[in-house]
C-alpha atoms as a PDB file:
ATOM      1  CA  MET A   1     -43.190 -13.881  40.950  1.00  0.00           C
ATOM      2  CA  ARG A   2     -39.556 -14.441  40.336  1.00  0.00           C
ATOM      3  CA  HIS A   3     -37.455 -14.353  36.761  1.00  0.00           C
ATOM      4  CA  PRO A   4     -34.325 -15.862  36.057  1.00  0.00           C
ATOM      5  CA  PHE A   5     -31.188 -14.061  35.088  1.00  0.00           C
ATOM      6  CA  HIS A   6     -30.101 -14.012  31.559  1.00  0.00           C
ATOM      7  CA  PRO A   7     -26.244 -14.932  30.934  1.00  0.00           C
ATOM      8  CA  LEU A   8     -26.572 -13.666  27.764  1.00  0.00           C
ATOM      9  CA  ALA A   9     -24.393 -10.454  28.803  1.00  0.00           C
ATOM     10  CA  VAL A  10     -21.712 -12.967  30.829  1.00  0.00           C
ATOM     11  CA  LEU A  11     -21.251 -15.199  27.667  1.00  0.00           C
ATOM     12  CA  SER A  12     -21.051 -12.315  25.081  1.00  0.00           C
ATOM     13  CA  PHE A  13     -17.120 -12.486  26.018  1.00  0.00           C
ATOM     14  CA  PHE A  14     -16.755 -16.125  23.570  1.00  0.00           C
ATOM     15  CA  ALA A  15     -18.251 -14.034  20.891  1.00  0.00           C
ATOM     16  CA  ALA A  16     -15.486 -11.624  20.721  1.00  0.00           C
ATOM     17  CA  CYS A  17     -13.094 -14.072  19.663  1.00  0.00           C
ATOM     18  CA  CYS A  18     -14.716 -16.139  16.829  1.00  0.00           C
ATOM     19  CA  SER A  19     -16.105 -15.692  13.657  1.00  0.00           C
ATOM     20  CA  SER A  20     -20.128 -16.126  12.907  1.00  0.00           C
ATOM     21  CA  ALA A  21     -21.837 -18.157  10.842  1.00  0.00           C
ATOM     22  CA  ASN A  22     -22.090 -22.385  11.391  1.00  0.00           C
ATOM     23  CA  ALA A  23     -22.898 -23.921  14.540  1.00  0.00           C
ATOM     24  CA  ASP A  24     -19.145 -25.633  15.381  1.00  0.00           C
ATOM     25  CA  ILE A  25     -18.805 -24.224  18.836  1.00  0.00           C
ATOM     26  CA  LEU A  26     -19.886 -26.304  21.414  1.00  0.00           C
ATOM     27  CA  ILE A  27     -20.722 -24.710  24.954  1.00  0.00           C
ATOM     28  CA  ASP A  28     -20.898 -27.886  27.508  1.00  0.00           C
ATOM     29  CA  PRO A  29     -22.906 -26.890  30.622  1.00  0.00           C
ATOM     30  CA  THR A  30     -22.613 -28.234  33.802  1.00  0.00           C
ATOM     31  CA  PHE A  31     -25.716 -27.092  36.648  1.00  0.00           C
ATOM     32  CA  ASP A  32     -24.233 -26.827  39.916  1.00  0.00           C
ATOM     33  CA  SER A  33     -26.336 -28.334  42.883  1.00  0.00           C
ATOM     34  CA  SER A  34     -27.374 -24.759  43.549  1.00  0.00           C
ATOM     35  CA  ILE A  35     -29.371 -24.654  40.806  1.00  0.00           C
ATOM     36  CA  THR A  36     -30.375 -28.398  40.347  1.00  0.00           C
ATOM     37  CA  SER A  37     -31.731 -27.982  43.840  1.00  0.00           C
ATOM     38  CA  ASP A  38     -33.634 -25.030  43.032  1.00  0.00           C
ATOM     39  CA  PRO A  39     -37.417 -25.404  42.838  1.00  0.00           C
ATOM     40  CA  ASN A  40     -37.358 -23.289  39.556  1.00  0.00           C
ATOM     41  CA  ALA A  41     -34.260 -25.599  38.336  1.00  0.00           C
ATOM     42  CA  ALA A  42     -35.917 -26.568  34.939  1.00  0.00           C
ATOM     43  CA  THR A  43     -36.988 -22.717  34.220  1.00  0.00           C
ATOM     44  CA  ILE A  44     -33.331 -21.923  35.157  1.00  0.00           C
ATOM     45  CA  GLU A  45     -31.663 -24.585  32.990  1.00  0.00           C
ATOM     46  CA  SER A  46     -33.949 -23.549  30.213  1.00  0.00           C
ATOM     47  CA  ALA A  47     -32.947 -20.070  30.186  1.00  0.00           C
ATOM     48  CA  ILE A  48     -29.257 -20.796  30.167  1.00  0.00           C
ATOM     49  CA  ASP A  49     -29.799 -23.384  27.397  1.00  0.00           C
ATOM     50  CA  GLN A  50     -31.587 -20.908  25.237  1.00  0.00           C
ATOM     51  CA  ALA A  51     -28.518 -18.230  25.984  1.00  0.00           C
ATOM     52  CA  ILE A  52     -26.182 -21.119  24.961  1.00  0.00           C
ATOM     53  CA  SER A  53     -28.198 -22.286  21.751  1.00  0.00           C
ATOM     54  CA  ARG A  54     -28.188 -18.551  20.354  1.00  0.00           C
ATOM     55  CA  PHE A  55     -23.945 -18.652  20.780  1.00  0.00           C
ATOM     56  CA  GLU A  56     -23.880 -21.497  19.828  1.00  0.00           C
ATOM     57  CA  SER A  57     -25.755 -21.293  16.395  1.00  0.00           C
ATOM     58  CA  SER A  58     -23.737 -18.346  15.879  1.00  0.00           C
ATOM     59  CA  ILE A  59     -20.042 -19.118  16.747  1.00  0.00           C
ATOM     60  CA  GLU A  60     -17.903 -20.937  13.730  1.00  0.00           C
ATOM     61  CA  THR A  61     -14.759 -21.538  15.969  1.00  0.00           C
ATOM     62  CA  PRO A  62     -14.504 -25.306  16.297  1.00  0.00           C
ATOM     63  CA  ILE A  63     -14.049 -25.852  20.048  1.00  0.00           C
ATOM     64  CA  THR A  64     -15.557 -26.996  23.229  1.00  0.00           C
ATOM     65  CA  VAL A  65     -16.079 -24.819  26.319  1.00  0.00           C
ATOM     66  CA  LYS A  66     -17.069 -26.389  29.318  1.00  0.00           C
ATOM     67  CA  ILE A  67     -18.712 -24.041  31.986  1.00  0.00           C
ATOM     68  CA  ASP A  68     -20.190 -24.505  35.342  1.00  0.00           C
ATOM     69  CA  PHE A  69     -23.026 -22.541  36.066  1.00  0.00           C
ATOM     70  CA  GLN A  70     -24.201 -21.768  39.820  1.00  0.00           C
ATOM     71  CA  GLU A  71     -26.881 -19.798  41.414  1.00  0.00           C
ATOM     72  CA  THR A  72     -25.357 -17.093  43.506  1.00  0.00           C
ATOM     73  CA  SER A  73     -27.258 -15.542  46.547  1.00  0.00           C
ATOM     74  CA  GLY A  74     -26.805 -12.180  45.778  1.00  0.00           C
ATOM     75  CA  GLY A  75     -26.147  -9.606  43.165  1.00  0.00           C
ATOM     76  CA  LEU A  76     -26.865 -10.197  39.595  1.00  0.00           C
ATOM     77  CA  GLY A  77     -24.225 -12.289  38.249  1.00  0.00           C
ATOM     78  CA  GLU A  78     -20.635 -13.194  38.392  1.00  0.00           C
ATOM     79  CA  SER A  79     -17.993 -15.194  36.020  1.00  0.00           C
ATOM     80  CA  ASN A  80     -14.615 -16.658  36.447  1.00  0.00           C
ATOM     81  CA  SER A  81     -12.150 -17.869  33.897  1.00  0.00           C
ATOM     82  CA  GLY A  82      -9.051 -19.223  33.637  1.00  0.00           C
ATOM     83  CA  PHE A  83      -6.489 -16.532  31.462  1.00  0.00           C
ATOM     84  CA  ASN A  84      -3.041 -17.014  30.257  1.00  0.00           C
ATOM     85  CA  GLU A  85      -0.954 -14.639  27.888  1.00  0.00           C
ATOM     86  CA  ILE A  86       1.172 -14.653  24.281  1.00  0.00           C
ATOM     87  CA  SER A  87       2.638 -12.594  22.744  1.00  0.00           C
ATOM     88  CA  TYR A  88       0.540  -9.910  20.649  1.00  0.00           C
ATOM     89  CA  SER A  89       2.279 -10.643  17.461  1.00  0.00           C
ATOM     90  CA  GLN A  90       1.871 -14.916  17.974  1.00  0.00           C
ATOM     91  CA  TYR A  91      -1.997 -13.723  18.621  1.00  0.00           C
ATOM     92  CA  ARG A  92      -2.117 -11.650  15.535  1.00  0.00           C
ATOM     93  CA  SER A  93      -0.718 -14.429  13.744  1.00  0.00           C
ATOM     94  CA  ASP A  94      -2.593 -16.970  15.503  1.00  0.00           C
ATOM     95  CA  LEU A  95      -5.812 -15.117  14.100  1.00  0.00           C
ATOM     96  CA  VAL A  96      -4.855 -14.866  10.471  1.00  0.00           C
ATOM     97  CA  ASN A  97      -3.586 -18.830  10.223  1.00  0.00           C
ATOM     98  CA  ASN A  98      -6.076 -20.570  12.379  1.00  0.00           C
ATOM     99  CA  GLN A  99      -9.574 -19.475  11.822  1.00  0.00           C
ATOM    100  CA  ILE A 100     -12.071 -19.368   9.291  1.00  0.00           C
ATOM    101  CA  LEU A 101     -12.051 -16.033   8.425  1.00  0.00           C
ATOM    102  CA  SER A 102     -15.538 -13.970   6.932  1.00  0.00           C
ATOM    103  CA  ALA A 103     -15.389 -10.627   5.169  1.00  0.00           C
ATOM    104  CA  ASN A 104     -15.889  -9.020   8.517  1.00  0.00           C
ATOM    105  CA  ASP A 105     -12.960 -10.768  10.249  1.00  0.00           C
ATOM    106  CA  MET A 106     -10.626  -9.909   7.236  1.00  0.00           C
ATOM    107  CA  THR A 107     -11.765  -6.324   7.750  1.00  0.00           C
ATOM    108  CA  ALA A 108     -10.983  -6.103  11.575  1.00  0.00           C
ATOM    109  CA  LEU A 109      -7.696  -7.902  10.887  1.00  0.00           C
ATOM    110  CA  ALA A 110      -6.598  -5.135   8.427  1.00  0.00           C
ATOM    111  CA  SER A 111      -6.802  -2.775  11.244  1.00  0.00           C
ATOM    112  CA  LEU A 112      -4.620  -4.613  13.504  1.00  0.00           C
ATOM    113  CA  PRO A 113      -0.982  -3.293  13.141  1.00  0.00           C
ATOM    114  CA  MET A 114       1.959  -5.952  12.402  1.00  0.00           C
ATOM    115  CA  THR A 115       3.834  -4.647  15.479  1.00  0.00           C
ATOM    116  CA  SER A 116       5.472  -6.391  18.593  1.00  0.00           C
ATOM    117  CA  THR A 117       3.418  -4.490  21.076  1.00  0.00           C
ATOM    118  CA  ASN A 118      -0.311  -4.901  20.873  1.00  0.00           C
ATOM    119  CA  PRO A 119      -2.188  -1.480  19.969  1.00  0.00           C
ATOM    120  CA  VAL A 120      -4.243  -1.245  23.377  1.00  0.00           C
ATOM    121  CA  ASN A 121      -1.649  -0.302  25.606  1.00  0.00           C
ATOM    122  CA  GLY A 122       1.817  -1.031  24.088  1.00  0.00           C
ATOM    123  CA  ASP A 123       2.502  -4.118  25.891  1.00  0.00           C
ATOM    124  CA  PRO A 124       4.675  -6.754  24.426  1.00  0.00           C
ATOM    125  CA  ASP A 125       1.639  -9.759  25.141  1.00  0.00           C
ATOM    126  CA  VAL A 126      -2.409 -10.238  25.297  1.00  0.00           C
ATOM    127  CA  ILE A 127      -4.441 -11.904  28.064  1.00  0.00           C
ATOM    128  CA  LEU A 128      -6.949 -14.263  26.708  1.00  0.00           C
ATOM    129  CA  THR A 129      -9.158 -16.364  28.362  1.00  0.00           C
ATOM    130  CA  LEU A 130      -8.442 -20.512  28.036  1.00  0.00           C
ATOM    131  CA  ALA A 131     -11.561 -20.866  25.840  1.00  0.00           C
ATOM    132  CA  ASN A 132     -10.052 -17.679  23.517  1.00  0.00           C
ATOM    133  CA  LEU A 133      -6.655 -19.442  23.200  1.00  0.00           C
ATOM    134  CA  ARG A 134      -7.766 -22.365  22.278  1.00  0.00           C
ATOM    135  CA  ALA A 135     -10.121 -20.874  19.477  1.00  0.00           C
ATOM    136  CA  VAL A 136      -6.833 -19.557  17.894  1.00  0.00           C
ATOM    137  CA  GLY A 137      -5.186 -22.607  17.974  1.00  0.00           C
ATOM    138  CA  GLU A 138      -3.068 -22.296  21.377  1.00  0.00           C
ATOM    139  CA  THR A 139      -4.126 -25.698  22.426  1.00  0.00           C
ATOM    140  CA  GLY A 140      -0.933 -25.756  25.008  1.00  0.00           C
ATOM    141  CA  LEU A 141      -1.388 -22.815  26.852  1.00  0.00           C
ATOM    142  CA  GLY A 142      -5.565 -22.805  26.723  1.00  0.00           C
ATOM    143  CA  ASN A 143      -5.754 -25.896  28.359  1.00  0.00           C
ATOM    144  CA  ASN A 144      -7.838 -26.217  31.308  1.00  0.00           C
ATOM    145  CA  GLY A 145      -6.632 -29.622  32.304  1.00  0.00           C
ATOM    146  CA  GLY A 146     -10.027 -31.256  31.892  1.00  0.00           C
ATOM    147  CA  GLY A 147     -11.773 -28.606  34.229  1.00  0.00           C
ATOM    148  CA  PHE A 148     -14.198 -25.642  33.515  1.00  0.00           C
ATOM    149  CA  ASP A 149     -13.136 -23.062  31.258  1.00  0.00           C
ATOM    150  CA  SER A 150     -15.425 -20.767  33.370  1.00  0.00           C
ATOM    151  CA  THR A 151     -17.749 -20.460  36.493  1.00  0.00           C
ATOM    152  CA  ILE A 152     -21.273 -18.264  35.776  1.00  0.00           C
ATOM    153  CA  GLY A 153     -23.279 -17.426  38.614  1.00  0.00           C
ATOM    154  CA  GLY A 154     -26.299 -15.309  38.801  1.00  0.00           C
ATOM    155  CA  ALA A 155     -29.260 -14.578  41.511  1.00  0.00           C
ATOM    156  CA  TRP A 156     -32.775 -15.272  41.061  1.00  0.00           C
ATOM    157  CA  LEU A 157     -34.496 -11.516  41.038  1.00  0.00           C
ATOM    158  CA  PRO A 158     -37.815 -10.376  42.748  1.00  0.00           C
END
């Protein structure tokens, strides 16, 4: 019996940018022909839909994230997302001004220094996925041109 991969770990990067509460995020999946032509397509799509449902019920940021799901021939999984960068100070400002902030968000923001460089490596910029940039209000830099925000692939395990 073969079991589908669970894309929960790959999708978890969405949770890092967002408050949790209501289901305002919409994850718009597209299933590649490598999935739709698989004899177990219904099971694979169901597993992905269940994972998506968990995230949509816990992320409050009102954005749509387009993901192309594919089946791969080996390995446990992979993902590919578009990225862009903004200054750390702009990112921190966006977090404060463009989010619905929970008590946990306020606590987290209180620990981020108000400096011109990011506290992780001292660089003046931070690199974010396009979806994360849109989530913090950077619609110009987070534009995916109508394409996918991410491609996620996984293999069936024996």
